Amino acid sequence: MVNEDLTPQRLAEVLQDFLYENRYDHDLFNDLQKNLKKHEIFSKDITDIMNKRTDFKDIPATELVLFARIVYGRFPDFEIINPQRYFKPGEIKAAQYYTRNNRPEYIKLPLTVNNALSVQYDEYIAIMSAKQLVKMLDSSIVTYNFDSQRDAKSMVDTNGRIVRAINVNQKSVIEIAQLMLNGEYLPDMLTFNMLLGSNDEREEFSSKGNSIVVNEGTQLDILDGFHRLSAMQQAVEANPEFDLNFPVAFKNFDIQKAKRYVGQTNTFNVMPKAYVEQLRAKDHYAYIVNELINNSDLKGRVGYQRRPIFDNGEITTFDRLKNAIQKQYNVKMKREAMGVVETLVPLFDELIFLYLSEKPDPHETLFATVDGIDRLLNKYKKIDKDIKRVDLDFLLATTEKGQLL
C-alpha cells in the first residue's frame, strides 16, 4: 500500500505541522533564526510560520527548501522532511544563494488566463509563454496529482514505507530542453486541470469575457506535459532570455474524468472522434448524451472509443448511447433535447444503481450494445415513464457474448 506522496505540497504539510508541534522549542527557533537571517527571513517570519499564521503554500518553494534543510539537520531521523526527497539537487543548491531582496517574482492564485477560447463549459484553450508556465511551476501553484497520473513510481524509503514519487525521465527532460534552447522544438499542447471539487469556498474558476480566472483555493493539476514543463524550467535556467509560446488546455474535471483523460492521452495519439463530438456537442443527440454524462450516474462510465474499456470502469460508449437514443427519439429542437435529458436522467440513475449493486459482467449487460440500450429505452417508454427497478434478468438479457463487441 502507498502511504505517502513525495511532492513539495506533501513536504509543506508535514513540515508545517511539525513546526507547529515544536513551536515552543527555543533551540529550534534559535537555529532557524541564526541560519535564515542571511536569507532575509527574520524572527517574525519564523514565528508566523511556526504558529501557522503564514502557510508554506503562500511562500516561495525556495524558502520551504531552506526551512526543511535546517529542521532536517536537527532531526535527521525524521526522514520525511528531508528536502532531497522532494527537490532536485539544483533547486537545493540555488536555495543557498536566495535572499528575499533578490528573489524571483512569484505568483499566487487567483491566476488570470487571457484570450481563452471556450471549447465547452469545463474546457478552455489559451496560448501561454514558457516564462509564464515556468513561473507557475516555480510558484508551486501547479500540482502533480498522483491520483490522476498513471506513471507515478512507487519506492520504499529508509523506514520501510512505500511512497509515491514523480516518475521523471531526466534524460528526456534534458533532450527536450536542448531542443528548446536550439530553437528546434515544435510547441505542443500542455493540459492543466482545475480539479472539480477542490475549492471549498467558490467555483474552481470563473470566466470574464475572453479570460478565465483560476480562483484562489483551486487545486491546479498538470494532466499532460510535466516533462515539457520541467524542460522549460531547465531552458529558462540556462538562458533567462529563452521564451516560446505553447497552446495550453484548462479542464475542470473531477478526479475520475481526469484519470480517464490521462489514460486516453497516454494510449492514443489521435483524439477519438466521439470525444471531439462530445466536446463540441454539435447535434441534439450529442447534446443529450453529453448532458446525461454530466448530470447522471453515467458520469465516468462512458467511453469514447469504438468499444468500452471495461477495466477503466466504462460500461458503454458515447456513440452507442447516441445511436440508441436517436432510434427512440425524434428530436428537432434543443427544447425537445432538454426534455429527453430530463426524462432519461432518473432512468440511468436507477440503472446504474442496479448495475453497481449487482456487479454483473459488463460484457453481458444491455449497456454493451446499441440494440441493448435501445431495448432498455423502449421498455422504459412502454411503462409510461414510471421509475421502476429494472430487474437484473432484463438487464442481462443480451445475445451471445461474442456478438456484443
Protein backbone atom coordinates (compact mmCIF):
# COMPACT_ATOMS: atom_id res chain seq x y z
CA MET A 1 0.00 0.00 0.00
CA VAL A 2 1.21 3.51 -0.80
CA ASN A 3 1.43 5.58 2.36
CA GLU A 4 2.86 8.93 1.30
CA ASP A 5 3.39 11.09 -1.77
CA LEU A 6 6.73 12.73 -2.47
CA THR A 7 5.68 16.18 -3.62
CA PRO A 8 6.62 19.65 -2.32
CA GLN A 9 2.98 20.06 -1.25
CA ARG A 10 3.32 17.00 0.97
CA LEU A 11 6.56 18.34 2.47
CA ALA A 12 4.87 21.69 3.17
CA GLU A 13 2.02 19.97 5.05
CA VAL A 14 4.28 17.75 7.16
CA LEU A 15 6.83 20.45 7.93
CA GLN A 16 4.14 22.99 8.86
CA ASP A 17 2.58 20.54 11.32
CA PHE A 18 5.98 19.60 12.75
CA LEU A 19 6.97 23.22 13.34
CA TYR A 20 3.60 23.95 14.95
CA GLU A 21 4.00 20.99 17.32
CA ASN A 22 7.50 22.24 18.21
CA ARG A 23 6.70 25.95 18.33
CA TYR A 24 7.94 26.18 21.94
CA ASP A 25 11.29 24.56 21.16
CA HIS A 26 13.59 27.54 21.72
CA ASP A 27 16.68 25.76 20.42
CA LEU A 28 14.93 25.01 17.13
CA PHE A 29 13.70 28.60 16.87
CA ASN A 30 17.19 29.97 17.54
CA ASP A 31 18.68 27.64 14.94
CA LEU A 32 16.15 28.80 12.34
CA GLN A 33 16.72 32.43 13.27
CA LYS A 34 20.50 32.12 13.03
CA ASN A 35 20.53 30.33 9.66
CA LEU A 36 17.70 32.20 7.94
CA LYS A 37 18.85 35.72 8.79
CA LYS A 38 21.27 35.80 5.82
CA HIS A 39 18.33 34.99 3.56
CA GLU A 40 16.41 37.99 4.97
CA ILE A 41 13.91 35.74 6.72
CA PHE A 42 13.58 37.16 10.21
CA SER A 43 12.14 36.29 13.64
CA LYS A 44 8.60 37.45 12.92
CA ASP A 45 8.53 35.46 9.67
CA ILE A 46 9.66 32.32 11.52
CA THR A 47 7.15 32.86 14.35
CA ASP A 48 4.32 33.28 11.85
CA ILE A 49 5.29 30.02 10.13
CA MET A 50 5.61 28.07 13.40
CA ASN A 51 2.24 29.33 14.64
CA LYS A 52 0.51 28.72 11.29
CA ARG A 53 -0.26 32.38 10.76
CA THR A 54 1.65 32.04 7.48
CA ASP A 55 1.16 28.93 5.38
CA PHE A 56 4.05 27.37 3.50
CA LYS A 57 1.86 27.31 0.39
CA ASP A 58 1.90 31.13 0.46
CA ILE A 59 5.70 31.49 0.37
CA PRO A 60 8.22 30.60 -2.37
CA ALA A 61 9.22 26.95 -2.66
CA THR A 62 12.85 28.04 -2.15
CA GLU A 63 12.01 29.11 1.40
CA LEU A 64 10.42 25.71 2.00
CA VAL A 65 13.77 24.17 0.99
CA LEU A 66 15.61 26.40 3.47
CA PHE A 67 13.30 25.57 6.38
CA ALA A 68 13.42 21.86 5.56
CA ARG A 69 17.24 21.77 5.39
CA ILE A 70 17.59 23.37 8.81
CA VAL A 71 14.92 21.29 10.53
CA TYR A 72 16.14 18.05 8.94
CA GLY A 73 19.68 18.92 10.07
CA ARG A 74 18.42 18.97 13.67
CA PHE A 75 16.14 15.93 13.30
CA PRO A 76 17.89 13.58 10.83
CA ASP A 77 15.78 10.61 11.89
CA PHE A 78 12.64 12.39 10.66
CA GLU A 79 13.30 11.30 7.08
CA ILE A 80 10.00 12.54 5.70
CA ILE A 81 11.24 16.16 5.88
CA ASN A 82 14.49 15.50 4.01
CA PRO A 83 14.34 18.09 1.18
CA GLN A 84 16.35 15.81 -1.11
CA ARG A 85 13.28 13.61 -1.41
CA TYR A 86 11.22 16.43 -2.88
CA PHE A 87 13.58 18.78 -4.74
CA LYS A 88 16.23 18.41 -7.40
CA PRO A 89 19.90 18.99 -6.37
CA GLY A 90 19.99 22.18 -8.45
CA GLU A 91 16.98 23.59 -6.61
CA ILE A 92 18.55 22.83 -3.22
CA LYS A 93 21.86 24.37 -4.26
CA ALA A 94 20.17 27.50 -5.63
CA ALA A 95 18.42 28.00 -2.29
CA GLN A 96 21.79 28.70 -0.65
CA TYR A 97 22.05 31.97 -2.60
CA TYR A 98 18.47 33.07 -2.09
CA THR A 99 17.52 36.30 -0.36
CA ARG A 100 14.13 37.92 -0.19
CA ASN A 101 15.62 41.07 -1.69
CA ASN A 102 16.59 39.41 -4.95
CA ARG A 103 14.02 36.62 -5.05
CA PRO A 104 12.28 35.92 -8.35
CA GLU A 105 8.79 37.22 -8.90
CA TYR A 106 6.34 34.57 -7.69
CA ILE A 107 2.65 34.43 -8.39
CA LYS A 108 -0.35 33.26 -6.37
CA LEU A 109 -3.88 32.32 -7.20
CA PRO A 110 -6.15 33.77 -8.49
CA LEU A 111 -4.50 33.39 -11.90
CA THR A 112 -5.94 35.18 -14.91
CA VAL A 113 -5.50 33.50 -18.30
CA ASN A 114 -6.23 35.86 -21.17
CA ASN A 115 -7.58 35.08 -24.65
CA ALA A 116 -9.02 31.74 -23.55
CA LEU A 117 -11.22 30.01 -26.11
CA SER A 118 -14.15 28.06 -24.68
CA VAL A 119 -14.40 24.54 -26.10
CA GLN A 120 -17.33 23.79 -23.84
CA TYR A 121 -18.35 24.68 -20.28
CA ASP A 122 -15.50 22.94 -18.49
CA GLU A 123 -12.73 23.19 -21.10
CA TYR A 124 -10.71 26.13 -22.41
CA ILE A 125 -7.68 26.59 -24.63
CA ALA A 126 -5.22 29.50 -24.45
CA ILE A 127 -1.72 30.45 -25.56
CA MET A 128 0.85 30.96 -22.79
CA SER A 129 4.56 31.69 -22.85
CA ALA A 130 7.18 29.33 -21.45
CA LYS A 131 8.17 32.02 -18.94
CA GLN A 132 4.59 32.23 -17.65
CA LEU A 133 4.38 28.45 -17.35
CA VAL A 134 7.73 28.18 -15.56
CA LYS A 135 6.67 30.92 -13.16
CA MET A 136 3.55 28.87 -12.34
CA LEU A 137 5.73 25.84 -11.61
CA ASP A 138 8.28 27.81 -9.57
CA SER A 139 5.48 29.40 -7.57
CA SER A 140 4.14 25.98 -6.56
CA ILE A 141 0.63 26.64 -7.88
CA VAL A 142 0.92 23.60 -10.16
CA THR A 143 0.32 20.21 -8.56
CA TYR A 144 1.37 16.75 -9.73
CA ASN A 145 -1.65 14.73 -8.67
CA PHE A 146 -0.75 11.07 -8.17
CA ASP A 147 -4.43 10.12 -8.14
CA SER A 148 -4.82 11.10 -11.79
CA GLN A 149 -1.40 10.07 -13.13
CA ARG A 150 -0.69 6.54 -14.34
CA ASP A 151 3.11 6.76 -14.35
CA ALA A 152 3.89 7.61 -10.73
CA LYS A 153 6.56 5.27 -9.37
CA SER A 154 6.46 3.52 -6.01
CA MET A 155 9.55 3.15 -3.87
CA VAL A 156 10.45 2.05 -0.37
CA ASP A 157 12.07 4.72 1.82
CA THR A 158 14.69 4.17 4.53
CA ASN A 159 11.96 3.49 7.10
CA GLY A 160 10.36 0.78 5.02
CA ARG A 161 7.38 2.88 3.98
CA ILE A 162 6.04 2.68 0.44
CA VAL A 163 5.92 6.15 -1.11
CA ARG A 164 4.89 7.51 -4.49
CA ALA A 165 7.35 9.69 -6.35
CA ILE A 166 7.08 11.67 -9.58
CA ASN A 167 8.36 9.50 -12.40
CA VAL A 168 10.57 11.86 -14.39
CA ASN A 169 12.88 10.68 -17.15
CA GLN A 170 15.68 13.20 -16.70
CA LYS A 171 17.30 12.19 -19.97
CA SER A 172 14.12 13.12 -21.83
CA VAL A 173 13.85 16.41 -19.93
CA ILE A 174 17.43 17.34 -20.86
CA GLU A 175 16.90 16.41 -24.51
CA ILE A 176 13.68 18.45 -24.73
CA ALA A 177 15.35 21.43 -23.01
CA GLN A 178 18.21 21.30 -25.51
CA LEU A 179 15.80 21.27 -28.45
CA MET A 180 14.05 24.29 -26.95
CA LEU A 181 17.30 26.19 -26.49
CA ASN A 182 18.37 25.33 -30.05
CA GLY A 183 15.08 26.64 -31.44
CA GLU A 184 14.20 23.18 -32.79
CA TYR A 185 11.28 22.27 -30.52
CA LEU A 186 7.80 22.41 -32.05
CA PRO A 187 5.36 23.56 -29.33
CA ASP A 188 2.54 21.18 -28.47
CA MET A 189 -0.38 21.20 -26.07
CA LEU A 190 0.01 21.12 -22.29
CA THR A 191 -3.03 20.30 -20.16
CA PHE A 192 -3.94 21.57 -16.70
CA ASN A 193 -6.94 20.54 -14.63
CA MET A 194 -8.76 22.90 -12.27
CA LEU A 195 -9.78 19.92 -10.12
CA LEU A 196 -13.55 19.83 -9.74
CA GLY A 197 -14.50 19.88 -6.05
CA SER A 198 -11.09 21.07 -4.84
CA ASN A 199 -12.29 24.56 -3.91
CA ASP A 200 -14.31 24.63 -0.68
CA GLU A 201 -15.28 28.30 -0.88
CA ARG A 202 -16.15 29.00 -4.51
CA GLU A 203 -16.18 27.61 -8.04
CA GLU A 204 -12.78 26.45 -9.27
CA PHE A 205 -12.74 29.08 -11.99
CA SER A 206 -14.73 31.96 -13.38
CA SER A 207 -14.90 33.38 -16.88
CA LYS A 208 -14.74 37.05 -17.73
CA GLY A 209 -15.11 37.90 -21.41
CA ASN A 210 -12.24 36.18 -23.22
CA SER A 211 -10.43 35.36 -19.97
CA ILE A 212 -10.72 32.73 -17.30
CA VAL A 213 -9.66 33.15 -13.69
CA VAL A 214 -8.35 30.16 -11.73
CA ASN A 215 -9.71 31.07 -8.32
CA GLU A 216 -7.80 31.09 -5.05
CA GLY A 217 -8.19 27.76 -3.28
CA THR A 218 -8.34 25.71 -6.50
CA GLN A 219 -6.01 22.75 -6.97
CA LEU A 220 -4.38 23.16 -10.39
CA ASP A 221 -3.06 19.78 -11.56
CA ILE A 222 -0.81 19.10 -14.51
CA LEU A 223 -2.50 16.32 -16.52
CA ASP A 224 -0.26 16.20 -19.56
CA GLY A 225 3.11 17.85 -20.13
CA PHE A 226 5.10 17.55 -16.88
CA HIS A 227 8.31 16.57 -18.73
CA ARG A 228 7.93 19.51 -21.11
CA LEU A 229 7.25 21.87 -18.21
CA SER A 230 10.39 20.61 -16.43
CA ALA A 231 12.34 21.09 -19.67
CA MET A 232 11.09 24.69 -19.93
CA GLN A 233 12.30 25.27 -16.39
CA GLN A 234 15.76 23.98 -17.32
CA ALA A 235 15.81 26.06 -20.50
CA VAL A 236 14.94 29.27 -18.63
CA GLU A 237 17.61 28.49 -16.00
CA ALA A 238 20.20 28.01 -18.77
CA ASN A 239 19.11 31.08 -20.74
CA PRO A 240 16.90 33.62 -18.90
CA GLU A 241 16.03 35.16 -22.28
CA PHE A 242 14.51 31.94 -23.57
CA ASP A 243 10.79 32.05 -24.32
CA LEU A 244 8.35 30.15 -26.52
CA ASN A 245 4.57 30.16 -26.82
CA PHE A 246 2.62 26.98 -26.09
CA PRO A 247 -1.04 26.01 -26.52
CA VAL A 248 -2.46 25.21 -23.08
CA ALA A 249 -5.72 23.44 -22.24
CA PHE A 250 -7.53 24.11 -18.95
CA LYS A 251 -10.01 21.43 -17.86
CA ASN A 252 -12.46 21.37 -14.95
CA PHE A 253 -12.69 17.60 -14.44
CA ASP A 254 -13.33 15.54 -11.35
CA ILE A 255 -10.65 13.02 -10.44
CA GLN A 256 -12.35 10.13 -12.23
CA LYS A 257 -12.66 12.00 -15.50
CA ALA A 258 -9.09 13.30 -15.13
CA LYS A 259 -7.81 9.72 -14.75
CA ARG A 260 -9.66 8.68 -17.88
CA TYR A 261 -8.25 11.66 -19.75
CA VAL A 262 -4.67 10.83 -18.72
CA GLY A 263 -5.14 7.18 -19.68
CA GLN A 264 -6.59 8.20 -23.02
CA THR A 265 -3.77 10.68 -23.68
CA ASN A 266 -1.12 8.07 -22.90
CA THR A 267 -2.77 5.39 -25.03
CA PHE A 268 -3.93 7.14 -28.18
CA ASN A 269 -2.09 9.58 -30.40
CA VAL A 270 -5.23 10.96 -32.02
CA MET A 271 -8.17 12.27 -30.00
CA PRO A 272 -11.13 9.98 -30.71
CA LYS A 273 -13.82 11.38 -32.97
CA ALA A 274 -16.54 10.61 -30.41
CA TYR A 275 -14.70 12.61 -27.74
CA VAL A 276 -14.34 15.57 -30.07
CA GLU A 277 -18.05 15.28 -30.79
CA GLN A 278 -18.82 15.26 -27.08
CA LEU A 279 -16.76 18.41 -26.57
CA ARG A 280 -18.50 20.23 -29.38
CA ALA A 281 -21.96 18.72 -28.80
CA LYS A 282 -22.72 19.74 -32.37
CA ASP A 283 -26.10 17.99 -32.73
CA HIS A 284 -29.10 17.37 -30.47
CA TYR A 285 -28.25 13.74 -29.77
CA ALA A 286 -24.64 14.52 -28.87
CA TYR A 287 -26.00 17.23 -26.57
CA ILE A 288 -28.35 14.71 -24.89
CA VAL A 289 -25.55 12.20 -24.23
CA ASN A 290 -23.24 14.94 -23.02
CA GLU A 291 -25.88 16.13 -20.53
CA LEU A 292 -26.58 12.57 -19.37
CA ILE A 293 -22.88 12.05 -18.70
CA ASN A 294 -22.63 15.28 -16.73
CA ASN A 295 -25.91 15.03 -14.79
CA SER A 296 -26.50 11.35 -14.08
CA ASP A 297 -24.60 8.43 -12.61
CA LEU A 298 -23.33 7.65 -16.11
CA LYS A 299 -20.54 10.12 -15.32
CA GLY A 300 -17.19 8.37 -15.61
CA ARG A 301 -18.73 5.25 -17.15
CA VAL A 302 -18.95 6.22 -20.84
CA GLY A 303 -16.02 5.63 -23.19
CA TYR A 304 -15.12 7.40 -26.43
CA GLN A 305 -13.51 4.59 -28.39
CA ARG A 306 -15.27 2.05 -30.61
CA ARG A 307 -15.58 -0.32 -27.65
CA PRO A 308 -15.86 0.42 -23.93
CA ILE A 309 -12.72 -0.17 -21.87
CA PHE A 310 -14.24 -2.18 -19.04
CA ASP A 311 -11.05 -2.10 -16.96
CA ASN A 312 -11.42 1.70 -16.78
CA GLY A 313 -14.92 1.39 -15.35
CA GLU A 314 -16.63 2.10 -18.68
CA ILE A 315 -19.86 0.22 -19.39
CA THR A 316 -20.78 1.64 -22.79
CA THR A 317 -19.62 4.23 -25.33
CA PHE A 318 -20.67 7.69 -26.39
CA ASP A 319 -21.58 6.53 -29.90
CA ARG A 320 -23.65 3.57 -28.68
CA LEU A 321 -25.68 5.77 -26.35
CA LYS A 322 -26.16 8.40 -29.02
CA ASN A 323 -27.25 5.91 -31.69
CA ALA A 324 -29.71 4.16 -29.36
CA ILE A 325 -31.29 7.45 -28.25
CA GLN A 326 -31.54 8.55 -31.87
CA LYS A 327 -33.50 5.36 -32.67
CA GLN A 328 -36.01 6.08 -29.88
CA TYR A 329 -36.46 9.84 -30.04
CA ASN A 330 -37.10 12.20 -32.94
CA VAL A 331 -35.51 15.44 -31.72
CA LYS A 332 -35.62 18.55 -33.88
CA MET A 333 -35.22 21.36 -31.35
CA LYS A 334 -32.99 21.96 -28.34
CA ARG A 335 -36.05 22.30 -26.11
CA GLU A 336 -37.03 18.74 -27.10
CA ALA A 337 -33.48 17.58 -26.40
CA MET A 338 -33.67 19.12 -22.91
CA GLY A 339 -36.92 17.24 -22.33
CA VAL A 340 -35.28 13.94 -23.28
CA VAL A 341 -32.45 14.65 -20.84
CA GLU A 342 -34.95 15.36 -18.06
CA THR A 343 -36.69 12.07 -18.85
CA LEU A 344 -33.58 9.89 -19.07
CA VAL A 345 -31.51 11.12 -16.11
CA PRO A 346 -33.61 9.30 -13.46
CA LEU A 347 -33.72 6.15 -15.61
CA PHE A 348 -29.97 5.93 -15.92
CA ASP A 349 -29.51 6.75 -12.22
CA GLU A 350 -31.74 3.75 -11.47
CA LEU A 351 -29.93 1.53 -13.96
CA ILE A 352 -26.51 2.45 -12.62
CA PHE A 353 -27.73 1.83 -9.06
CA LEU A 354 -28.77 -1.67 -10.10
CA TYR A 355 -25.55 -2.21 -12.01
CA LEU A 356 -23.36 -1.23 -9.04
CA SER A 357 -25.48 -3.26 -6.63
CA GLU A 358 -25.34 -6.47 -8.65
CA LYS A 359 -21.88 -6.06 -10.22
CA PRO A 360 -22.67 -8.10 -13.37
CA ASP A 361 -20.12 -8.96 -16.04
CA PRO A 362 -20.04 -5.73 -18.13
CA HIS A 363 -19.81 -7.79 -21.32
CA GLU A 364 -23.21 -9.30 -20.57
CA THR A 365 -25.47 -6.29 -19.95
CA LEU A 366 -27.74 -4.35 -22.27
CA PHE A 367 -25.39 -1.38 -21.91
CA ALA A 368 -22.87 -3.19 -24.08
CA THR A 369 -24.66 -2.77 -27.44
CA VAL A 370 -26.73 -0.19 -29.32
CA ASP A 371 -29.57 -2.71 -29.59
CA GLY A 372 -29.36 -3.44 -25.89
CA ILE A 373 -29.62 0.22 -24.90
CA ASP A 374 -32.45 0.59 -27.42
CA ARG A 375 -34.33 -2.23 -25.67
CA LEU A 376 -33.83 -0.54 -22.29
CA LEU A 377 -35.16 2.77 -23.61
CA ASN A 378 -38.04 1.06 -25.37
CA LYS A 379 -39.16 -0.76 -22.23
CA TYR A 380 -38.89 2.44 -20.21
CA LYS A 381 -41.18 4.30 -22.64
CA LYS A 382 -43.68 1.44 -22.57
CA ILE A 383 -44.20 1.72 -18.80
CA ASP A 384 -45.34 5.35 -19.10
CA LYS A 385 -42.13 6.81 -17.72
CA ASP A 386 -42.64 5.43 -14.20
CA ILE A 387 -39.30 4.86 -12.49
CA LYS A 388 -39.28 1.16 -11.70
CA ARG A 389 -36.37 -1.06 -10.83
CA VAL A 390 -35.27 -2.81 -13.99
CA ASP A 391 -34.76 -6.40 -12.93
CA LEU A 392 -31.36 -7.98 -13.31
CA ASP A 393 -32.65 -10.66 -15.68
CA PHE A 394 -33.77 -7.98 -18.11
CA LEU A 395 -30.52 -6.03 -17.76
CA LEU A 396 -28.64 -9.22 -18.64
CA ALA A 397 -30.99 -10.19 -21.48
CA THR A 398 -28.36 -9.98 -24.19
CA THR A 399 -27.30 -12.00 -27.18
CA GLU A 400 -24.23 -14.22 -27.08
CA LYS A 401 -21.20 -12.55 -25.55
CA GLY A 402 -19.20 -12.90 -28.73
CA GLN A 403 -21.78 -10.79 -30.61
CA LEU A 404 -21.67 -7.88 -28.22
CA LEU A 405 -18.35 -6.43 -29.23
